[in-house]
PDB file of N, CA and C in Angstrom:
ATOM      1  N   MET A   1      -3.865  -8.560 -12.058  1.00  0.00           N
ATOM      2  CA  MET A   1      -4.290  -7.231 -12.114  1.00  0.00           C
ATOM      3  C   MET A   1      -2.732  -6.594 -12.574  1.00  0.00           C
ATOM      4  N   ASP A   2      -2.987  -5.556 -13.250  1.00  0.00           N
ATOM      5  CA  ASP A   2      -1.460  -4.670 -13.568  1.00  0.00           C
ATOM      6  C   ASP A   2      -1.523  -3.467 -12.440  1.00  0.00           C
ATOM      7  N   LYS A   3       0.298  -2.938 -13.054  1.00  0.00           N
ATOM      8  CA  LYS A   3       0.433  -2.027 -12.421  1.00  0.00           C
ATOM      9  C   LYS A   3      -0.723  -0.909 -12.853  1.00  0.00           C
ATOM     10  N   GLU A   4      -1.030  -0.695 -14.012  1.00  0.00           N
ATOM     11  CA  GLU A   4      -1.822   0.703 -14.260  1.00  0.00           C
ATOM     12  C   GLU A   4      -3.252   0.556 -13.315  1.00  0.00           C
ATOM     13  N   GLN A   5      -3.758  -0.312 -13.603  1.00  0.00           N
ATOM     14  CA  GLN A   5      -4.759  -0.768 -12.737  1.00  0.00           C
ATOM     15  C   GLN A   5      -4.698  -0.392 -10.978  1.00  0.00           C
ATOM     16  N   ALA A   6      -3.753  -1.005 -10.418  1.00  0.00           N
ATOM     17  CA  ALA A   6      -3.330  -0.452  -9.124  1.00  0.00           C
ATOM     18  C   ALA A   6      -3.398   0.982  -9.064  1.00  0.00           C
ATOM     19  N   ILE A   7      -2.881   1.388  -9.869  1.00  0.00           N
ATOM     20  CA  ILE A   7      -2.605   2.776  -9.478  1.00  0.00           C
ATOM     21  C   ILE A   7      -3.571   3.423  -9.846  1.00  0.00           C
ATOM     22  N   SER A   8      -4.791   3.232 -10.472  1.00  0.00           N
ATOM     23  CA  SER A   8      -5.927   3.983 -10.750  1.00  0.00           C
ATOM     24  C   SER A   8      -6.771   3.631  -9.655  1.00  0.00           C
ATOM     25  N   LEU A   9      -6.731   2.158  -8.772  1.00  0.00           N
ATOM     26  CA  LEU A   9      -7.312   2.178  -7.630  1.00  0.00           C
ATOM     27  C   LEU A   9      -6.746   3.290  -6.451  1.00  0.00           C
ATOM     28  N   CYS A  10      -5.612   3.085  -6.425  1.00  0.00           N
ATOM     29  CA  CYS A  10      -4.599   3.890  -5.346  1.00  0.00           C
ATOM     30  C   CYS A  10      -5.204   5.317  -5.635  1.00  0.00           C
ATOM     31  N   GLU A  11      -5.478   5.916  -6.314  1.00  0.00           N
ATOM     32  CA  GLU A  11      -5.747   7.399  -7.312  1.00  0.00           C
ATOM     33  C   GLU A  11      -7.291   7.527  -6.518  1.00  0.00           C
ATOM     34  N   ASP A  12      -8.020   6.446  -6.673  1.00  0.00           N
ATOM     35  CA  ASP A  12      -9.480   6.898  -6.196  1.00  0.00           C
ATOM     36  C   ASP A  12      -9.554   6.957  -4.755  1.00  0.00           C
ATOM     37  N   LEU A  13      -8.796   5.672  -4.655  1.00  0.00           N
ATOM     38  CA  LEU A  13      -8.761   5.591  -2.697  1.00  0.00           C
ATOM     39  C   LEU A  13      -8.173   7.190  -2.059  1.00  0.00           C
ATOM     40  N   LEU A  14      -7.085   8.158  -2.946  1.00  0.00           N
ATOM     41  CA  LEU A  14      -6.811   9.000  -2.750  1.00  0.00           C
ATOM     42  C   LEU A  14      -7.361  10.318  -2.425  1.00  0.00           C
ATOM     43  N   ARG A  15      -8.715  10.189  -3.847  1.00  0.00           N
ATOM     44  CA  ARG A  15      -9.700  10.911  -3.581  1.00  0.00           C
ATOM     45  C   ARG A  15     -10.737  10.821  -2.994  1.00  0.00           C
ATOM     46  N   ASN A  16     -10.911  10.036  -2.375  1.00  0.00           N
ATOM     47  CA  ASN A  16     -12.332   9.383  -1.560  1.00  0.00           C
ATOM     48  C   ASN A  16     -11.421   9.170  -0.044  1.00  0.00           C
ATOM     49  N   GLU A  17     -10.415   9.972   0.312  1.00  0.00           N
ATOM     50  CA  GLU A  17      -9.630   9.473   1.648  1.00  0.00           C
ATOM     51  C   GLU A  17     -10.260   8.889   2.700  1.00  0.00           C
ATOM     52  N   GLU A  18     -12.012   9.391   2.719  1.00  0.00           N
ATOM     53  CA  GLU A  18     -12.505   9.116   4.011  1.00  0.00           C
ATOM     54  C   GLU A  18     -13.097   7.306   4.059  1.00  0.00           C
ATOM     55  N   GLU A  19     -12.752   6.703   2.627  1.00  0.00           N
ATOM     56  CA  GLU A  19     -12.963   5.192   2.869  1.00  0.00           C
ATOM     57  C   GLU A  19     -11.635   4.001   3.530  1.00  0.00           C
ATOM     58  N   VAL A  20     -10.276   5.613   4.108  1.00  0.00           N
ATOM     59  CA  VAL A  20      -9.473   4.910   4.543  1.00  0.00           C
ATOM     60  C   VAL A  20      -8.750   5.025   5.431  1.00  0.00           C
ATOM     61  N   SER A  21      -7.976   4.565   6.257  1.00  0.00           N
ATOM     62  CA  SER A  21      -7.328   4.915   7.557  1.00  0.00           C
ATOM     63  C   SER A  21      -6.706   5.858   7.096  1.00  0.00           C
ATOM     64  N   GLU A  22      -6.246   6.549   8.126  1.00  0.00           N
ATOM     65  CA  GLU A  22      -5.143   8.143   7.745  1.00  0.00           C
ATOM     66  C   GLU A  22      -3.471   7.241   7.319  1.00  0.00           C
ATOM     67  N   VAL A  23      -3.349   6.099   8.149  1.00  0.00           N
ATOM     68  CA  VAL A  23      -1.947   5.446   7.552  1.00  0.00           C
ATOM     69  C   VAL A  23      -1.811   4.916   5.898  1.00  0.00           C
ATOM     70  N   THR A  24      -2.901   4.607   5.829  1.00  0.00           N
ATOM     71  CA  THR A  24      -3.469   4.014   4.377  1.00  0.00           C
ATOM     72  C   THR A  24      -3.347   5.161   3.831  1.00  0.00           C
ATOM     73  N   TYR A  25      -3.925   6.169   3.881  1.00  0.00           N
ATOM     74  CA  TYR A  25      -3.764   7.363   2.763  1.00  0.00           C
ATOM     75  C   TYR A  25      -2.415   7.973   3.234  1.00  0.00           C
ATOM     76  N   LEU A  26      -2.053   7.957   3.911  1.00  0.00           N
ATOM     77  CA  LEU A  26      -0.475   8.489   4.077  1.00  0.00           C
ATOM     78  C   LEU A  26       0.542   7.570   3.017  1.00  0.00           C
ATOM     79  N   TYR A  27       0.429   5.699   3.067  1.00  0.00           N
ATOM     80  CA  TYR A  27       0.957   5.348   2.326  1.00  0.00           C
ATOM     81  C   TYR A  27       0.928   5.172   1.052  1.00  0.00           C
ATOM     82  N   LEU A  28      -0.739   5.819   1.090  1.00  0.00           N
ATOM     83  CA  LEU A  28      -0.856   5.642  -1.208  1.00  0.00           C
ATOM     84  C   LEU A  28      -0.558   6.863  -1.180  1.00  0.00           C
ATOM     85  N   SER A  29      -0.297   8.063  -0.534  1.00  0.00           N
ATOM     86  CA  SER A  29       0.395   9.860  -1.222  1.00  0.00           C
ATOM     87  C   SER A  29       1.704   9.412  -1.297  1.00  0.00           C
ATOM     88  N   TRP A  30       2.881   8.658  -0.365  1.00  0.00           N
ATOM     89  CA  TRP A  30       4.066   8.475  -0.278  1.00  0.00           C
ATOM     90  C   TRP A  30       4.057   7.875  -1.546  1.00  0.00           C
ATOM     91  N   ASN A  31       3.444   6.479  -1.709  1.00  0.00           N
ATOM     92  CA  ASN A  31       4.136   5.922  -3.050  1.00  0.00           C
ATOM     93  C   ASN A  31       3.919   6.916  -4.231  1.00  0.00           C
ATOM     94  N   MET A  32       2.646   7.402  -4.071  1.00  0.00           N
ATOM     95  CA  MET A  32       2.438   8.480  -5.449  1.00  0.00           C
ATOM     96  C   MET A  32       3.571   9.451  -5.748  1.00  0.00           C
ATOM     97  N   LYS A  33       4.171   9.821  -4.283  1.00  0.00           N
ATOM     98  CA  LYS A  33       5.222  10.783  -4.659  1.00  0.00           C
ATOM     99  C   LYS A  33       6.053   9.832  -5.252  1.00  0.00           C
ATOM    100  N   GLN A  34       6.374   8.476  -4.674  1.00  0.00           N
ATOM    101  CA  GLN A  34       7.701   8.052  -5.472  1.00  0.00           C
ATOM    102  C   GLN A  34       7.366   7.679  -6.960  1.00  0.00           C
ATOM    103  N   ASN A  35       5.952   7.793  -7.526  1.00  0.00           N
ATOM    104  CA  ASN A  35       5.438   7.353  -9.037  1.00  0.00           C
ATOM    105  C   ASN A  35       5.198   6.107  -8.511  1.00  0.00           C
ATOM    106  N   TYR A  36       4.967   5.469  -8.045  1.00  0.00           N
ATOM    107  CA  TYR A  36       4.365   4.129  -7.350  1.00  0.00           C
ATOM    108  C   TYR A  36       5.752   3.018  -8.014  1.00  0.00           C
ATOM    109  N   GLU A  37       7.040   3.558  -8.200  1.00  0.00           N
ATOM    110  CA  GLU A  37       8.197   2.783  -8.055  1.00  0.00           C
ATOM    111  C   GLU A  37       8.661   2.350  -6.734  1.00  0.00           C
ATOM    112  N   THR A  38       8.271   1.954  -5.927  1.00  0.00           N
ATOM    113  CA  THR A  38       8.763   1.388  -4.847  1.00  0.00           C
ATOM    114  C   THR A  38       8.628  -0.127  -4.743  1.00  0.00           C
ATOM    115  N   LYS A  39       9.866  -0.795  -4.064  1.00  0.00           N
ATOM    116  CA  LYS A  39       9.606  -2.327  -4.015  1.00  0.00           C
ATOM    117  C   LYS A  39       8.470  -2.721  -3.164  1.00  0.00           C
ATOM    118  N   THR A  40       7.471  -1.848  -1.953  1.00  0.00           N
ATOM    119  CA  THR A  40       6.764  -2.318  -1.009  1.00  0.00           C
ATOM    120  C   THR A  40       5.611  -2.112  -2.230  1.00  0.00           C
ATOM    121  N   PHE A  41       5.385  -0.949  -3.479  1.00  0.00           N
ATOM    122  CA  PHE A  41       4.167  -1.327  -4.227  1.00  0.00           C
ATOM    123  C   PHE A  41       4.676  -2.782  -4.944  1.00  0.00           C
ATOM    124  N   GLU A  42       5.521  -2.695  -5.369  1.00  0.00           N
ATOM    125  CA  GLU A  42       5.562  -4.065  -6.548  1.00  0.00           C
ATOM    126  C   GLU A  42       5.416  -5.344  -5.564  1.00  0.00           C
ATOM    127  N   TRP A  43       5.665  -5.179  -4.113  1.00  0.00           N
ATOM    128  CA  TRP A  43       5.836  -6.779  -3.435  1.00  0.00           C
ATOM    129  C   TRP A  43       3.657  -6.545  -3.304  1.00  0.00           C
ATOM    130  N   LEU A  44       3.428  -5.334  -2.954  1.00  0.00           N
ATOM    131  CA  LEU A  44       1.702  -5.359  -2.533  1.00  0.00           C
ATOM    132  C   LEU A  44       1.602  -6.066  -3.958  1.00  0.00           C
ATOM    133  N   LEU A  45       1.436  -5.612  -5.007  1.00  0.00           N
ATOM    134  CA  LEU A  45       0.787  -6.511  -6.449  1.00  0.00           C
ATOM    135  C   LEU A  45       1.519  -7.603  -6.606  1.00  0.00           C
ATOM    136  N   ALA A  46       2.196  -8.077  -6.126  1.00  0.00           N
ATOM    137  CA  ALA A  46       2.602  -9.575  -6.288  1.00  0.00           C
ATOM    138  C   ALA A  46       2.109 -10.475  -5.480  1.00  0.00           C
ATOM    139  N   ASN A  47       1.524 -10.196  -3.677  1.00  0.00           N
ATOM    140  CA  ASN A  47       0.625 -11.019  -3.363  1.00  0.00           C
ATOM    141  C   ASN A  47      -0.778 -10.537  -3.739  1.00  0.00           C
ATOM    142  N   VAL A  48      -1.056  -9.326  -4.171  1.00  0.00           N
ATOM    143  CA  VAL A  48      -2.298  -9.100  -4.732  1.00  0.00           C
ATOM    144  C   VAL A  48      -2.739 -10.554  -6.027  1.00  0.00           C
ATOM    145  N   THR A  49      -1.765 -10.397  -6.445  1.00  0.00           N
ATOM    146  CA  THR A  49      -1.800 -11.408  -7.725  1.00  0.00           C
ATOM    147  C   THR A  49      -1.510 -12.861  -7.018  1.00  0.00           C
ATOM    148  N   LEU A  50      -0.837 -13.070  -6.356  1.00  0.00           N
ATOM    149  CA  LEU A  50      -0.998 -14.614  -5.731  1.00  0.00           C
ATOM    150  C   LEU A  50      -1.982 -14.885  -4.894  1.00  0.00           C
ATOM    151  N   LEU A  51      -2.916 -13.928  -4.265  1.00  0.00           N
ATOM    152  CA  LEU A  51      -4.079 -14.545  -3.190  1.00  0.00           C
ATOM    153  C   LEU A  51      -5.243 -14.255  -4.480  1.00  0.00           C
ATOM    154  N   ALA A  52      -4.940 -13.601  -5.500  1.00  0.00           N
ATOM    155  CA  ALA A  52      -6.527 -13.506  -6.413  1.00  0.00           C
ATOM    156  C   ALA A  52      -6.447 -14.752  -7.243  1.00  0.00           C
ATOM    157  N   SER A  53      -4.902 -15.447  -7.440  1.00  0.00           N
ATOM    158  CA  SER A  53      -4.817 -16.785  -8.096  1.00  0.00           C
ATOM    159  C   SER A  53      -5.279 -17.973  -6.708  1.00  0.00           C
ATOM    160  N   LEU A  54      -4.814 -18.010  -5.838  1.00  0.00           N
ATOM    161  CA  LEU A  54      -5.575 -18.834  -4.619  1.00  0.00           C
ATOM    162  C   LEU A  54      -6.710 -18.845  -4.782  1.00  0.00           C
ATOM    163  N   GLN A  55      -7.010 -17.723  -4.317  1.00  0.00           N
ATOM    164  CA  GLN A  55      -8.974 -17.669  -4.328  1.00  0.00           C
ATOM    165  C   GLN A  55      -9.618 -17.078  -5.428  1.00  0.00           C
ATOM    166  N   GLU A  56      -9.958 -18.374  -6.504  1.00  0.00           N
ATOM    167  CA  GLU A  56     -10.249 -18.426  -7.668  1.00  0.00           C
ATOM    168  C   GLU A  56     -11.573 -17.562  -7.962  1.00  0.00           C
ATOM    169  N   GLN A  57     -12.359 -17.456  -7.235  1.00  0.00           N
ATOM    170  CA  GLN A  57     -13.338 -16.677  -7.180  1.00  0.00           C
ATOM    171  C   GLN A  57     -13.384 -14.830  -6.776  1.00  0.00           C
ATOM    172  N   ALA A  58     -12.482 -14.606  -6.363  1.00  0.00           N
ATOM    173  CA  ALA A  58     -11.743 -12.911  -5.996  1.00  0.00           C
ATOM    174  C   ALA A  58     -11.829 -12.300  -7.050  1.00  0.00           C
ATOM    175  N   ALA A  59     -11.901 -11.143  -7.189  1.00  0.00           N
ATOM    176  CA  ALA A  59     -11.346 -10.518  -8.417  1.00  0.00           C
ATOM    177  C   ALA A  59      -9.831  -9.798  -7.318  1.00  0.00           C
ATOM    178  N   ALA A  60      -8.748  -9.340  -8.545  1.00  0.00           N
ATOM    179  CA  ALA A  60      -7.342  -9.129  -8.160  1.00  0.00           C
ATOM    180  C   ALA A  60      -8.281  -7.490  -7.344  1.00  0.00           C
ATOM    181  N   ASP A  61      -8.745  -6.989  -7.927  1.00  0.00           N
ATOM    182  CA  ASP A  61      -8.636  -5.353  -7.684  1.00  0.00           C
ATOM    183  C   ASP A  61      -9.653  -5.389  -6.214  1.00  0.00           C
ATOM    184  N   GLU A  62     -10.395  -6.532  -5.915  1.00  0.00           N
ATOM    185  CA  GLU A  62     -11.531  -6.435  -4.519  1.00  0.00           C
ATOM    186  C   GLU A  62     -10.184  -6.803  -3.473  1.00  0.00           C
ATOM    187  N   ILE A  63      -8.765  -7.607  -4.041  1.00  0.00           N
ATOM    188  CA  ILE A  63      -8.154  -7.842  -3.108  1.00  0.00           C
ATOM    189  C   ILE A  63      -7.000  -6.907  -2.399  1.00  0.00           C
ATOM    190  N   PHE A  64      -6.824  -6.244  -3.361  1.00  0.00           N
ATOM    191  CA  PHE A  64      -5.844  -4.582  -3.185  1.00  0.00           C
ATOM    192  C   PHE A  64      -6.861  -3.943  -2.886  1.00  0.00           C
ATOM    193  N   ILE A  65      -8.096  -3.558  -2.702  1.00  0.00           N
ATOM    194  CA  ILE A  65      -8.541  -2.432  -1.865  1.00  0.00           C
ATOM    195  C   ILE A  65      -8.872  -3.165  -0.477  1.00  0.00           C
ATOM    196  N   ASP A  66      -9.304  -4.487  -0.371  1.00  0.00           N
ATOM    197  CA  ASP A  66      -9.419  -4.510   1.090  1.00  0.00           C
ATOM    198  C   ASP A  66      -7.830  -4.935   1.626  1.00  0.00           C
ATOM    199  N   MET A  67      -6.454  -5.405   0.918  1.00  0.00           N
ATOM    200  CA  MET A  67      -5.766  -5.375   1.622  1.00  0.00           C
ATOM    201  C   MET A  67      -5.452  -3.779   2.088  1.00  0.00           C
ATOM    202  N   LEU A  68      -5.312  -2.790   1.089  1.00  0.00           N
ATOM    203  CA  LEU A  68      -5.110  -1.564   1.791  1.00  0.00           C
ATOM    204  C   LEU A  68      -6.092  -0.829   3.105  1.00  0.00           C
ATOM    205  N   LYS A  69      -7.221  -1.433   2.811  1.00  0.00           N
ATOM    206  CA  LYS A  69      -8.524  -0.977   3.949  1.00  0.00           C
ATOM    207  C   LYS A  69      -8.095  -1.622   5.210  1.00  0.00           C
ATOM    208  N   LYS A  70      -7.683  -2.660   5.127  1.00  0.00           N
ATOM    209  CA  LYS A  70      -7.051  -3.681   6.425  1.00  0.00           C
ATOM    210  C   LYS A  70      -6.029  -2.875   7.198  1.00  0.00           C
ATOM    211  N   MET A  71      -5.255  -1.865   6.795  1.00  0.00           N
ATOM    212  CA  MET A  71      -3.857  -1.462   7.058  1.00  0.00           C
ATOM    213  C   MET A  71      -4.671   0.140   8.055  1.00  0.00           C
ATOM    214  N   LYS A  72      -4.775  -0.241   9.659  1.00  0.00           N
ATOM    215  CA  LYS A  72      -5.014   0.401  10.170  1.00  0.00           C
ATOM    216  C   LYS A  72      -3.526   1.383  10.937  1.00  0.00           C
ATOM    217  N   SER A  73      -2.417   0.859  10.870  1.00  0.00           N
ATOM    218  CA  SER A  73      -1.619   0.896  11.923  1.00  0.00           C
ATOM    219  C   SER A  73      -0.441   1.222  11.504  1.00  0.00           C
ATOM    220  N   TYR A  74       0.726   1.887  11.503  1.00  0.00           N
ATOM    221  CA  TYR A  74       1.913   2.532  11.572  1.00  0.00           C
ATOM    222  C   TYR A  74       2.566   1.134  11.059  1.00  0.00           C
ATOM    223  N   GLN A  75       2.388   0.178  11.666  1.00  0.00           N
ATOM    224  CA  GLN A  75       2.876  -0.896  12.034  1.00  0.00           C
ATOM    225  C   GLN A  75       2.817  -1.773  10.825  1.00  0.00           C
ATOM    226  N   ASP A  76       1.002  -1.705  10.424  1.00  0.00           N
ATOM    227  CA  ASP A  76       0.420  -2.037   9.099  1.00  0.00           C
ATOM    228  C   ASP A  76       1.374  -1.994   7.920  1.00  0.00           C
ATOM    229  N   ALA A  77       1.478  -0.504   8.106  1.00  0.00           N
ATOM    230  CA  ALA A  77       1.902  -0.241   6.409  1.00  0.00           C
ATOM    231  C   ALA A  77       3.462  -0.588   6.435  1.00  0.00           C
ATOM    232  N   VAL A  78       4.375  -0.711   7.444  1.00  0.00           N
ATOM    233  CA  VAL A  78       5.484  -0.755   7.521  1.00  0.00           C
ATOM    234  C   VAL A  78       6.170  -2.208   7.075  1.00  0.00           C
ATOM    235  N   LYS A  79       4.769  -3.276   7.660  1.00  0.00           N
ATOM    236  CA  LYS A  79       4.869  -4.975   7.364  1.00  0.00           C
ATOM    237  C   LYS A  79       4.904  -4.959   5.717  1.00  0.00           C
ATOM    238  N   LEU A  80       4.419  -4.063   4.998  1.00  0.00           N
ATOM    239  CA  LEU A  80       4.337  -4.190   3.712  1.00  0.00           C
ATOM    240  C   LEU A  80       5.576  -3.540   3.047  1.00  0.00           C
ATOM    241  N   MET A  81       6.583  -3.090   3.880  1.00  0.00           N
ATOM    242  CA  MET A  81       7.838  -2.641   3.591  1.00  0.00           C
ATOM    243  C   MET A  81       8.948  -3.570   3.410  1.00  0.00           C
ATOM    244  N   LYS A  82       9.479  -4.192   2.587  1.00  0.00           N
ATOM    245  CA  LYS A  82      10.785  -5.173   3.108  1.00  0.00           C
ATOM    246  C   LYS A  82      12.212  -4.534   2.983  1.00  0.00           C
ATOM    247  N   ASP A  83      12.110  -3.005   2.498  1.00  0.00           N
ATOM    248  CA  ASP A  83      13.083  -2.372   2.259  1.00  0.00           C
ATOM    249  C   ASP A  83      13.622  -1.501   3.353  1.00  0.00           C
ATOM    250  N   PRO A  84      14.638  -1.826   3.716  1.00  0.00           N
ATOM    251  CA  PRO A  84      15.215  -0.790   5.125  1.00  0.00           C
ATOM    252  C   PRO A  84      14.860   0.691   4.886  1.00  0.00           C
ATOM    253  N   GLY A  85      15.467   0.661   3.194  1.00  0.00           N
ATOM    254  CA  GLY A  85      16.096   2.297   3.285  1.00  0.00           C
ATOM    255  C   GLY A  85      14.227   2.791   2.907  1.00  0.00           C
ATOM    256  N   GLU A  86      13.509   2.034   2.169  1.00  0.00           N
ATOM    257  CA  GLU A  86      12.038   2.624   2.083  1.00  0.00           C
ATOM    258  C   GLU A  86      11.301   2.952   3.256  1.00  0.00           C
ATOM    259  N   VAL A  87      11.304   2.414   4.361  1.00  0.00           N
ATOM    260  CA  VAL A  87      11.253   2.264   5.786  1.00  0.00           C
ATOM    261  C   VAL A  87      11.488   3.692   6.156  1.00  0.00           C
ATOM    262  N   ARG A  88      12.878   3.895   6.027  1.00  0.00           N
ATOM    263  CA  ARG A  88      13.535   4.844   6.014  1.00  0.00           C
ATOM    264  C   ARG A  88      13.163   6.396   5.489  1.00  0.00           C
ATOM    265  N   GLU A  89      12.526   6.027   4.397  1.00  0.00           N
ATOM    266  CA  GLU A  89      12.055   6.990   3.422  1.00  0.00           C
ATOM    267  C   GLU A  89      10.449   7.647   4.094  1.00  0.00           C
ATOM    268  N   PHE A  90       9.922   6.452   4.543  1.00  0.00           N
ATOM    269  CA  PHE A  90       8.396   6.582   4.632  1.00  0.00           C
ATOM    270  C   PHE A  90       8.309   7.122   6.108  1.00  0.00           C
ATOM    271  N   ASN A  91       9.106   6.734   7.052  1.00  0.00           N
ATOM    272  CA  ASN A  91       9.403   7.786   8.298  1.00  0.00           C
ATOM    273  C   ASN A  91       9.491   9.281   8.100  1.00  0.00           C
ATOM    274  N   ARG A  92      10.525   9.771   6.799  1.00  0.00           N
ATOM    275  CA  ARG A  92      10.392  10.869   6.877  1.00  0.00           C
ATOM    276  C   ARG A  92       9.937  11.584   6.361  1.00  0.00           C
ATOM    277  N   TYR A  93       8.711  10.814   5.259  1.00  0.00           N
ATOM    278  CA  TYR A  93       7.664  11.384   4.857  1.00  0.00           C
ATOM    279  C   TYR A  93       6.272  11.252   5.989  1.00  0.00           C
ATOM    280  N   THR A  94       6.267  10.777   6.932  1.00  0.00           N
ATOM    281  CA  THR A  94       5.397  10.498   7.826  1.00  0.00           C
ATOM    282  C   THR A  94       5.384  11.725   8.986  1.00  0.00           C
ATOM    283  N   ASN A  95       7.002  11.955   8.922  1.00  0.00           N
ATOM    284  CA  ASN A  95       7.148  12.830  10.319  1.00  0.00           C
ATOM    285  C   ASN A  95       7.491  11.651  11.319  1.00  0.00           C
ATOM    286  N   VAL A  96       7.405  10.476  11.233  1.00  0.00           N
ATOM    287  CA  VAL A  96       7.297   9.263  12.255  1.00  0.00           C
ATOM    288  C   VAL A  96       8.694   8.823  12.235  1.00  0.00           C
ATOM    289  N   VAL A  97       8.969   8.881  14.285  1.00  0.00           N
ATOM    290  CA  VAL A  97       9.954   8.566  14.635  1.00  0.00           C
ATOM    291  C   VAL A  97       9.601   7.281  15.342  1.00  0.00           C
ATOM    292  N   PRO A  98       9.821   5.812  15.070  1.00  0.00           N
ATOM    293  CA  PRO A  98       9.797   4.495  15.712  1.00  0.00           C
ATOM    294  C   PRO A  98      10.571   4.674  16.945  1.00  0.00           C
ATOM    295  N   LEU A  99       9.978   3.920  17.894  1.00  0.00           N
ATOM    296  CA  LEU A  99      10.523   3.465  18.813  1.00  0.00           C
ATOM    297  C   LEU A  99      11.192   2.651  19.258  1.00  0.00           C
ATOM    298  N   PHE A 100      10.982   1.713  17.899  1.00  0.00           N
ATOM    299  CA  PHE A 100      11.697   0.639  17.941  1.00  0.00           C
ATOM    300  C   PHE A 100      11.756   0.453  16.487  1.00  0.00           C
ATOM    301  N   SER A 101      13.236  -0.216  15.806  1.00  0.00           N
ATOM    302  CA  SER A 101      13.512  -0.384  14.587  1.00  0.00           C
ATOM    303  C   SER A 101      13.444  -1.844  14.365  1.00  0.00           C
TER     304      SER A 101
END
């Protein structure tokens, strides 16, 4: 899956926000505002590519959507972020003040 395909899937999910959890919607909208130029988005795409290669029968777009739909909590979203700066930016965007960092 290339980045353009992933962005198209994200935009579809943003248009149909009832299909995803609130935190997934926030994660996607935050990435959209960053023009999908975040380390977490690149990391997500890398993981999808790896999982798709390991699960030969699965399509990358199905894995991508499944990973996003499984996101149910703030912690699930933050687990995708390996850069502390992006976590801070996401917190500001969502107005979340984490109890633990």
